[in-house]
Amino acid sequence: ITSNNEKELPDAFLRRCFFHYIAFPDRATLESIVAVHYPRIAQDLVARALEMFFELREVPGLKKKPSTSELIDWLKLLLADQIPAAALRERDVAKAIPPLYGALIKNEQDVQLLERLAFMHRRQNRS
């Protein structure tokens, strides 16, 4: 049985379970996972995508951080739409929302949060 910590499991149930925490993969592990799924992907695209991905995971207030599965799906879309690595040049997601972000962000409140952050950044730069 796995849990994503979104719901509390009853104590009586947990007493009968073995607990093992699996940490989120680091950058090197994610690079290996991506290489298995997309062996011929351009390394500059992977590098920039991972920078944006980890930056996005650190946005304060995000209800659901993107997971490995979302990263793989996002890369698939970037490849299908032939989005170049240069399109991912803005690494700070508070300044620019990633292309095809719907593959990464699965919560409407999180989408609104990113849109507000990007709007506030653009507004500050105009002043």
N, C-alpha and C. Protein backbone atom coordinates (compact mmCIF):
# COMPACT_ATOMS: atom_id res chain seq x y z
N ILE A 1 0.85 -1.17 0.00
CA ILE A 1 0.00 0.00 0.00
C ILE A 1 0.89 1.22 0.00
N THR A 2 0.54 2.20 -0.80
CA THR A 2 1.28 3.45 -0.82
C THR A 2 0.36 4.59 -0.41
N SER A 3 0.95 5.65 0.02
CA SER A 3 0.19 6.83 0.42
C SER A 3 0.94 8.06 -0.02
N ASN A 4 0.21 9.06 -0.44
CA ASN A 4 0.84 10.32 -0.82
C ASN A 4 0.65 11.38 0.25
N ASN A 5 0.29 10.95 1.44
CA ASN A 5 0.11 11.84 2.60
C ASN A 5 -1.01 12.84 2.44
N GLU A 6 -1.92 12.64 1.49
CA GLU A 6 -3.03 13.56 1.35
C GLU A 6 -4.16 13.23 2.31
N LYS A 7 -4.26 11.98 2.71
CA LYS A 7 -5.30 11.56 3.65
C LYS A 7 -4.64 10.82 4.80
N GLU A 8 -5.15 11.06 5.99
CA GLU A 8 -4.65 10.33 7.16
C GLU A 8 -5.24 8.93 7.14
N LEU A 9 -4.39 7.95 7.37
CA LEU A 9 -4.86 6.57 7.47
C LEU A 9 -5.13 6.26 8.93
N PRO A 10 -6.14 5.43 9.21
CA PRO A 10 -6.49 5.13 10.61
C PRO A 10 -5.33 4.44 11.35
N ASP A 11 -5.19 4.77 12.63
CA ASP A 11 -4.12 4.18 13.46
C ASP A 11 -4.19 2.66 13.48
N ALA A 12 -5.40 2.10 13.59
CA ALA A 12 -5.54 0.64 13.64
C ALA A 12 -5.00 0.01 12.36
N PHE A 13 -5.20 0.66 11.25
CA PHE A 13 -4.68 0.17 9.97
C PHE A 13 -3.16 0.31 9.93
N LEU A 14 -2.65 1.46 10.35
CA LEU A 14 -1.21 1.72 10.30
C LEU A 14 -0.41 0.77 11.19
N ARG A 15 -1.01 0.31 12.30
CA ARG A 15 -0.30 -0.63 13.18
C ARG A 15 0.02 -1.94 12.47
N ARG A 16 -0.71 -2.25 11.43
CA ARG A 16 -0.52 -3.50 10.70
C ARG A 16 0.35 -3.31 9.45
N CYS A 17 0.90 -2.13 9.29
CA CYS A 17 1.67 -1.81 8.09
C CYS A 17 3.15 -1.59 8.41
N PHE A 18 3.96 -1.77 7.40
CA PHE A 18 5.38 -1.45 7.47
C PHE A 18 5.57 -0.11 6.78
N PHE A 19 6.27 0.81 7.43
CA PHE A 19 6.46 2.14 6.87
C PHE A 19 7.84 2.27 6.27
N HIS A 20 7.89 2.78 5.07
CA HIS A 20 9.17 3.08 4.41
C HIS A 20 8.98 4.35 3.59
N TYR A 21 9.74 5.38 3.93
CA TYR A 21 9.66 6.65 3.23
C TYR A 21 10.56 6.62 2.00
N ILE A 22 10.02 7.02 0.87
CA ILE A 22 10.81 7.11 -0.36
C ILE A 22 10.97 8.58 -0.69
N ALA A 23 12.20 9.06 -0.62
CA ALA A 23 12.49 10.47 -0.90
C ALA A 23 12.28 10.77 -2.38
N PHE A 24 11.96 12.03 -2.66
CA PHE A 24 11.80 12.44 -4.05
C PHE A 24 13.16 12.34 -4.74
N PRO A 25 13.17 11.89 -5.99
CA PRO A 25 14.45 11.71 -6.70
C PRO A 25 15.23 13.01 -6.84
N ASP A 26 16.54 12.92 -6.73
CA ASP A 26 17.39 14.09 -6.96
C ASP A 26 17.56 14.29 -8.47
N ARG A 27 18.27 15.35 -8.81
CA ARG A 27 18.43 15.71 -10.22
C ARG A 27 19.08 14.59 -11.04
N ALA A 28 20.12 13.99 -10.52
CA ALA A 28 20.82 12.93 -11.25
C ALA A 28 19.91 11.73 -11.50
N THR A 29 19.12 11.38 -10.50
CA THR A 29 18.19 10.26 -10.67
C THR A 29 17.13 10.59 -11.71
N LEU A 30 16.62 11.82 -11.66
CA LEU A 30 15.62 12.22 -12.66
C LEU A 30 16.22 12.23 -14.07
N GLU A 31 17.47 12.66 -14.18
CA GLU A 31 18.13 12.62 -15.50
C GLU A 31 18.20 11.19 -16.02
N SER A 32 18.48 10.24 -15.14
CA SER A 32 18.53 8.83 -15.53
C SER A 32 17.15 8.32 -15.95
N ILE A 33 16.13 8.72 -15.21
CA ILE A 33 14.76 8.32 -15.54
C ILE A 33 14.36 8.87 -16.90
N VAL A 34 14.67 10.15 -17.14
CA VAL A 34 14.37 10.78 -18.43
C VAL A 34 15.10 10.05 -19.55
N ALA A 35 16.35 9.69 -19.32
CA ALA A 35 17.15 9.00 -20.35
C ALA A 35 16.54 7.65 -20.73
N VAL A 36 15.93 6.98 -19.77
CA VAL A 36 15.26 5.71 -20.07
C VAL A 36 14.05 5.94 -20.97
N HIS A 37 13.29 6.99 -20.67
CA HIS A 37 12.08 7.28 -21.45
C HIS A 37 12.39 7.92 -22.79
N TYR A 38 13.38 8.79 -22.82
CA TYR A 38 13.72 9.54 -24.05
C TYR A 38 15.23 9.49 -24.27
N PRO A 39 15.75 8.38 -24.78
CA PRO A 39 17.20 8.22 -24.90
C PRO A 39 17.86 9.21 -25.87
N ARG A 40 17.12 9.75 -26.81
CA ARG A 40 17.72 10.66 -27.79
C ARG A 40 17.36 12.13 -27.57
N ILE A 41 16.83 12.45 -26.40
CA ILE A 41 16.43 13.83 -26.13
C ILE A 41 17.68 14.71 -25.99
N ALA A 42 17.57 15.94 -26.45
CA ALA A 42 18.69 16.89 -26.36
C ALA A 42 18.97 17.21 -24.89
N GLN A 43 20.24 17.14 -24.52
CA GLN A 43 20.62 17.35 -23.13
C GLN A 43 20.39 18.78 -22.66
N ASP A 44 20.47 19.76 -23.57
CA ASP A 44 20.18 21.13 -23.14
C ASP A 44 18.71 21.29 -22.80
N LEU A 45 17.83 20.58 -23.51
CA LEU A 45 16.41 20.62 -23.18
C LEU A 45 16.16 19.97 -21.82
N VAL A 46 16.78 18.85 -21.57
CA VAL A 46 16.63 18.17 -20.28
C VAL A 46 17.13 19.08 -19.15
N ALA A 47 18.29 19.68 -19.34
CA ALA A 47 18.87 20.53 -18.30
C ALA A 47 17.96 21.70 -17.98
N ARG A 48 17.47 22.38 -19.00
CA ARG A 48 16.60 23.54 -18.74
C ARG A 48 15.25 23.12 -18.19
N ALA A 49 14.72 22.01 -18.68
CA ALA A 49 13.44 21.52 -18.18
C ALA A 49 13.55 21.15 -16.70
N LEU A 50 14.64 20.49 -16.33
CA LEU A 50 14.83 20.12 -14.93
C LEU A 50 15.01 21.35 -14.05
N GLU A 51 15.68 22.37 -14.54
CA GLU A 51 15.82 23.61 -13.77
C GLU A 51 14.44 24.20 -13.48
N MET A 52 13.60 24.29 -14.52
CA MET A 52 12.26 24.84 -14.34
C MET A 52 11.43 23.94 -13.43
N PHE A 53 11.55 22.64 -13.62
CA PHE A 53 10.80 21.67 -12.83
C PHE A 53 11.12 21.81 -11.34
N PHE A 54 12.40 21.84 -10.99
CA PHE A 54 12.77 21.96 -9.58
C PHE A 54 12.41 23.34 -9.02
N GLU A 55 12.53 24.37 -9.84
CA GLU A 55 12.12 25.71 -9.42
C GLU A 55 10.62 25.72 -9.12
N LEU A 56 9.85 25.10 -9.98
CA LEU A 56 8.41 25.03 -9.80
C LEU A 56 8.04 24.28 -8.52
N ARG A 57 8.75 23.22 -8.23
CA ARG A 57 8.48 22.45 -7.01
C ARG A 57 8.74 23.27 -5.75
N GLU A 58 9.55 24.34 -5.87
CA GLU A 58 9.89 25.16 -4.70
C GLU A 58 8.99 26.38 -4.54
N VAL A 59 8.03 26.57 -5.42
CA VAL A 59 7.14 27.74 -5.32
C VAL A 59 6.34 27.63 -4.02
N PRO A 60 6.45 28.65 -3.15
CA PRO A 60 5.70 28.61 -1.89
C PRO A 60 4.19 28.65 -2.15
N GLY A 61 3.46 27.84 -1.42
CA GLY A 61 2.01 27.84 -1.53
C GLY A 61 1.44 26.88 -2.55
N LEU A 62 2.29 26.18 -3.27
CA LEU A 62 1.83 25.21 -4.25
C LEU A 62 1.16 24.04 -3.53
N LYS A 63 -0.07 23.73 -3.90
CA LYS A 63 -0.80 22.65 -3.24
C LYS A 63 -0.32 21.27 -3.68
N LYS A 64 -0.03 21.11 -4.97
CA LYS A 64 0.45 19.83 -5.47
C LYS A 64 1.70 20.04 -6.31
N LYS A 65 2.82 19.66 -5.75
CA LYS A 65 4.08 19.78 -6.48
C LYS A 65 4.08 18.78 -7.63
N PRO A 66 4.63 19.18 -8.78
CA PRO A 66 4.70 18.21 -9.89
C PRO A 66 5.61 17.04 -9.53
N SER A 67 5.22 15.87 -10.00
CA SER A 67 5.95 14.64 -9.70
C SER A 67 6.77 14.19 -10.91
N THR A 68 7.43 13.08 -10.74
CA THR A 68 8.23 12.50 -11.83
C THR A 68 7.35 12.21 -13.05
N SER A 69 6.17 11.70 -12.81
CA SER A 69 5.24 11.39 -13.90
C SER A 69 4.89 12.65 -14.70
N GLU A 70 4.64 13.74 -13.99
CA GLU A 70 4.33 15.00 -14.68
C GLU A 70 5.53 15.49 -15.48
N LEU A 71 6.73 15.32 -14.95
CA LEU A 71 7.94 15.71 -15.69
C LEU A 71 8.04 14.93 -16.99
N ILE A 72 7.85 13.63 -16.93
CA ILE A 72 7.93 12.78 -18.13
C ILE A 72 6.87 13.20 -19.15
N ASP A 73 5.65 13.45 -18.68
CA ASP A 73 4.58 13.88 -19.58
C ASP A 73 4.90 15.24 -20.20
N TRP A 74 5.44 16.15 -19.40
CA TRP A 74 5.78 17.49 -19.88
C TRP A 74 6.85 17.41 -20.97
N LEU A 75 7.87 16.62 -20.73
CA LEU A 75 8.93 16.45 -21.73
C LEU A 75 8.36 15.87 -23.03
N LYS A 76 7.44 14.94 -22.90
CA LYS A 76 6.81 14.35 -24.09
C LYS A 76 6.11 15.43 -24.91
N LEU A 77 5.40 16.32 -24.22
CA LEU A 77 4.71 17.42 -24.91
C LEU A 77 5.70 18.41 -25.52
N LEU A 78 6.76 18.73 -24.79
CA LEU A 78 7.77 19.64 -25.32
C LEU A 78 8.38 19.06 -26.60
N LEU A 79 8.64 17.76 -26.60
CA LEU A 79 9.19 17.10 -27.79
C LEU A 79 8.17 17.08 -28.93
N ALA A 80 6.93 16.75 -28.61
CA ALA A 80 5.89 16.66 -29.64
C ALA A 80 5.65 18.01 -30.30
N ASP A 81 5.70 19.08 -29.51
CA ASP A 81 5.49 20.43 -30.05
C ASP A 81 6.79 21.08 -30.51
N GLN A 82 7.87 20.33 -30.44
CA GLN A 82 9.20 20.80 -30.86
C GLN A 82 9.58 22.12 -30.19
N ILE A 83 9.33 22.19 -28.90
CA ILE A 83 9.69 23.37 -28.11
C ILE A 83 11.20 23.30 -27.86
N PRO A 84 11.95 24.32 -28.28
CA PRO A 84 13.41 24.28 -28.08
C PRO A 84 13.79 24.63 -26.64
N ALA A 85 14.99 24.24 -26.27
CA ALA A 85 15.49 24.55 -24.92
C ALA A 85 15.49 26.05 -24.67
N ALA A 86 15.73 26.83 -25.72
CA ALA A 86 15.76 28.30 -25.57
C ALA A 86 14.42 28.85 -25.08
N ALA A 87 13.33 28.15 -25.37
CA ALA A 87 12.02 28.60 -24.91
C ALA A 87 11.88 28.45 -23.40
N LEU A 88 12.78 27.71 -22.80
CA LEU A 88 12.76 27.50 -21.35
C LEU A 88 13.82 28.35 -20.66
N ARG A 89 14.27 29.40 -21.32
CA ARG A 89 15.41 30.16 -20.79
C ARG A 89 15.10 30.87 -19.48
N GLU A 90 13.86 31.31 -19.28
CA GLU A 90 13.52 31.95 -18.01
C GLU A 90 13.32 30.86 -16.97
N ARG A 91 14.23 30.77 -16.03
CA ARG A 91 14.20 29.69 -15.06
C ARG A 91 13.29 29.98 -13.88
N ASP A 92 13.07 31.24 -13.59
CA ASP A 92 12.27 31.60 -12.42
C ASP A 92 10.79 31.56 -12.79
N VAL A 93 10.07 30.57 -12.27
CA VAL A 93 8.66 30.43 -12.62
C VAL A 93 7.81 31.57 -12.09
N ALA A 94 8.35 32.36 -11.17
CA ALA A 94 7.63 33.54 -10.71
C ALA A 94 7.63 34.62 -11.79
N LYS A 95 8.56 34.52 -12.74
CA LYS A 95 8.66 35.50 -13.81
C LYS A 95 8.00 35.03 -15.09
N ALA A 96 8.03 33.74 -15.34
CA ALA A 96 7.46 33.20 -16.57
C ALA A 96 6.88 31.82 -16.31
N ILE A 97 5.67 31.62 -16.77
CA ILE A 97 5.04 30.31 -16.62
C ILE A 97 5.60 29.39 -17.69
N PRO A 98 5.99 28.17 -17.32
CA PRO A 98 6.58 27.26 -18.31
C PRO A 98 5.63 26.95 -19.46
N PRO A 99 6.17 26.77 -20.67
CA PRO A 99 5.31 26.35 -21.79
C PRO A 99 4.66 25.01 -21.47
N LEU A 100 3.41 24.88 -21.89
CA LEU A 100 2.65 23.63 -21.70
C LEU A 100 2.58 23.23 -20.23
N TYR A 101 2.44 24.23 -19.37
CA TYR A 101 2.46 24.01 -17.92
C TYR A 101 1.32 23.12 -17.42
N GLY A 102 0.29 22.92 -18.23
CA GLY A 102 -0.83 22.07 -17.83
C GLY A 102 -0.42 20.63 -17.58
N ALA A 103 0.72 20.22 -18.12
CA ALA A 103 1.22 18.87 -17.84
C ALA A 103 1.87 18.80 -16.46
N LEU A 104 2.30 19.95 -15.94
CA LEU A 104 2.99 19.99 -14.65
C LEU A 104 2.06 20.35 -13.50
N ILE A 105 1.15 21.26 -13.75
CA ILE A 105 0.28 21.79 -12.71
C ILE A 105 -1.11 21.21 -12.88
N LYS A 106 -1.58 20.49 -11.87
CA LYS A 106 -2.86 19.78 -11.99
C LYS A 106 -3.92 20.32 -11.04
N ASN A 107 -3.70 21.49 -10.49
CA ASN A 107 -4.62 22.06 -9.52
C ASN A 107 -4.92 23.49 -9.94
N GLU A 108 -6.20 23.83 -10.03
CA GLU A 108 -6.61 25.16 -10.49
C GLU A 108 -6.05 26.27 -9.60
N GLN A 109 -6.00 26.04 -8.29
CA GLN A 109 -5.45 27.05 -7.39
C GLN A 109 -3.96 27.27 -7.66
N ASP A 110 -3.26 26.21 -8.00
CA ASP A 110 -1.84 26.33 -8.33
C ASP A 110 -1.63 27.11 -9.63
N VAL A 111 -2.50 26.88 -10.61
CA VAL A 111 -2.44 27.64 -11.86
C VAL A 111 -2.64 29.11 -11.57
N GLN A 112 -3.65 29.43 -10.77
CA GLN A 112 -3.92 30.82 -10.41
C GLN A 112 -2.74 31.44 -9.66
N LEU A 113 -2.11 30.68 -8.78
CA LEU A 113 -0.94 31.16 -8.05
C LEU A 113 0.18 31.53 -9.01
N LEU A 114 0.49 30.65 -9.95
CA LEU A 114 1.56 30.93 -10.92
C LEU A 114 1.22 32.14 -11.78
N GLU A 115 -0.03 32.24 -12.21
CA GLU A 115 -0.44 33.38 -13.02
C GLU A 115 -0.29 34.68 -12.24
N ARG A 116 -0.66 34.67 -10.96
CA ARG A 116 -0.52 35.87 -10.12
C ARG A 116 0.95 36.24 -9.94
N LEU A 117 1.80 35.25 -9.68
CA LEU A 117 3.23 35.52 -9.51
C LEU A 117 3.83 36.12 -10.77
N ALA A 118 3.50 35.56 -11.92
CA ALA A 118 4.02 36.08 -13.19
C ALA A 118 3.50 37.49 -13.44
N PHE A 119 2.22 37.72 -13.14
CA PHE A 119 1.63 39.05 -13.33
C PHE A 119 2.31 40.07 -12.43
N MET A 120 2.52 39.72 -11.17
CA MET A 120 3.16 40.65 -10.23
C MET A 120 4.58 40.96 -10.68
N HIS A 121 5.29 39.97 -11.18
CA HIS A 121 6.65 40.21 -11.65
C HIS A 121 6.65 41.16 -12.85
N ARG A 122 5.75 40.93 -13.80
CA ARG A 122 5.68 41.82 -14.97
C ARG A 122 5.33 43.24 -14.54
N ARG A 123 4.43 43.35 -13.59
CA ARG A 123 4.00 44.67 -13.10
C ARG A 123 5.16 45.41 -12.43
N GLN A 124 5.96 44.69 -11.64
CA GLN A 124 7.11 45.31 -10.97
C GLN A 124 8.15 45.78 -11.98
N ASN A 125 8.32 45.03 -13.03
CA ASN A 125 9.33 45.40 -14.04
C ASN A 125 8.92 46.61 -14.86
N ARG A 126 7.63 46.90 -14.93
CA ARG A 126 7.18 48.09 -15.67
C ARG A 126 7.40 49.36 -14.88
N SER A 127 7.43 49.23 -13.57
CA SER A 127 7.57 50.42 -12.71
C SER A 127 8.96 50.99 -12.75
